[in-house]
């Protein structure tokens, strides 16, 4: 069984501030979960929907997924 790669954000996608988005997961709907900026897991994590909505999830993945 081969796995099909998940679609990712286009290279070079950035926020209005210029911070780069690095996708780390994708929802079944196609929405993306991304780290913001450069660095490690301490970076802010955000949700980015295909409908153009976005929002801050946490100030890093250890915080974002601590309850799951």
Protein backbone atom coordinates (compact mmCIF):
# COMPACT_ATOMS: atom_id res chain seq x y z
CA UNK A 1 0.00 0.00 0.00
CA UNK A 2 1.42 3.38 -0.97
CA UNK A 3 0.49 6.57 0.77
CA UNK A 4 -0.44 9.66 -1.17
CA UNK A 5 1.35 12.78 0.06
CA UNK A 6 -0.92 15.35 1.66
CA UNK A 7 -1.34 18.61 -0.24
CA UNK A 8 0.71 21.38 1.33
CA UNK A 9 0.70 25.13 1.36
CA UNK A 10 2.52 26.69 -1.54
CA UNK A 11 6.17 27.44 -0.87
CA UNK A 12 6.68 31.01 0.18
CA UNK A 13 3.25 31.48 1.82
CA UNK A 14 3.63 34.20 4.43
CA UNK A 15 1.55 36.31 6.77
CA UNK A 16 1.11 40.03 6.10
CA UNK A 17 3.90 40.58 8.66
CA UNK A 18 6.27 38.59 6.42
CA UNK A 19 6.45 35.59 8.80
CA UNK A 20 6.67 32.27 6.94
CA UNK A 21 4.08 29.51 7.54
CA UNK A 22 5.31 25.92 7.90
CA UNK A 23 2.52 23.36 7.63
CA UNK A 24 2.76 20.45 10.09
CA UNK A 25 -0.69 18.85 9.60
CA UNK A 26 -3.74 18.99 7.36
CA UNK A 27 -7.39 18.36 8.21
CA UNK A 28 -9.54 16.10 6.02
CA UNK A 29 -11.28 19.24 4.77
CA UNK A 30 -7.98 20.56 3.40
CA UNK A 31 -7.51 23.16 6.13
CA UNK A 32 -3.93 23.48 7.41
CA UNK A 33 -2.21 23.62 10.78
CA UNK A 34 0.99 25.65 10.63
CA UNK A 35 3.89 26.91 12.68
CA UNK A 36 4.52 30.65 12.26
CA UNK A 37 7.99 32.05 11.60
CA UNK A 38 11.40 30.43 12.01
CA UNK A 39 12.58 28.17 14.82
CA UNK A 40 11.39 25.01 16.55
CA UNK A 41 8.25 23.83 18.28
CA UNK A 42 8.16 26.91 20.51
CA UNK A 43 6.76 28.92 17.59
CA UNK A 44 3.11 29.97 17.53
CA UNK A 45 0.80 27.41 15.92
CA UNK A 46 -2.17 28.51 13.82
CA UNK A 47 -5.13 27.07 11.93
CA UNK A 48 -5.66 28.22 8.35
CA UNK A 49 -8.92 27.29 6.60
CA UNK A 50 -9.56 27.06 2.88
CA UNK A 51 -12.34 29.63 3.44
CA UNK A 52 -9.76 32.28 4.32
CA UNK A 53 -10.29 32.10 8.09
CA UNK A 54 -7.28 31.73 10.39
CA UNK A 55 -6.60 31.75 14.07
CA UNK A 56 -3.93 31.24 16.71
CA UNK A 57 -4.02 27.79 18.34
CA UNK A 58 -1.16 28.04 20.83
CA UNK A 59 2.28 29.42 21.45
CA UNK A 60 3.89 26.15 20.32
CA UNK A 61 2.99 22.54 19.72
CA UNK A 62 3.65 21.27 23.28
CA UNK A 63 0.99 23.76 24.46
CA UNK A 64 -1.36 23.11 21.53
CA UNK A 65 -1.55 19.36 22.06
CA UNK A 66 -1.09 19.08 25.82
CA UNK A 67 -4.79 18.25 26.34
CA UNK A 68 -5.11 15.61 23.58
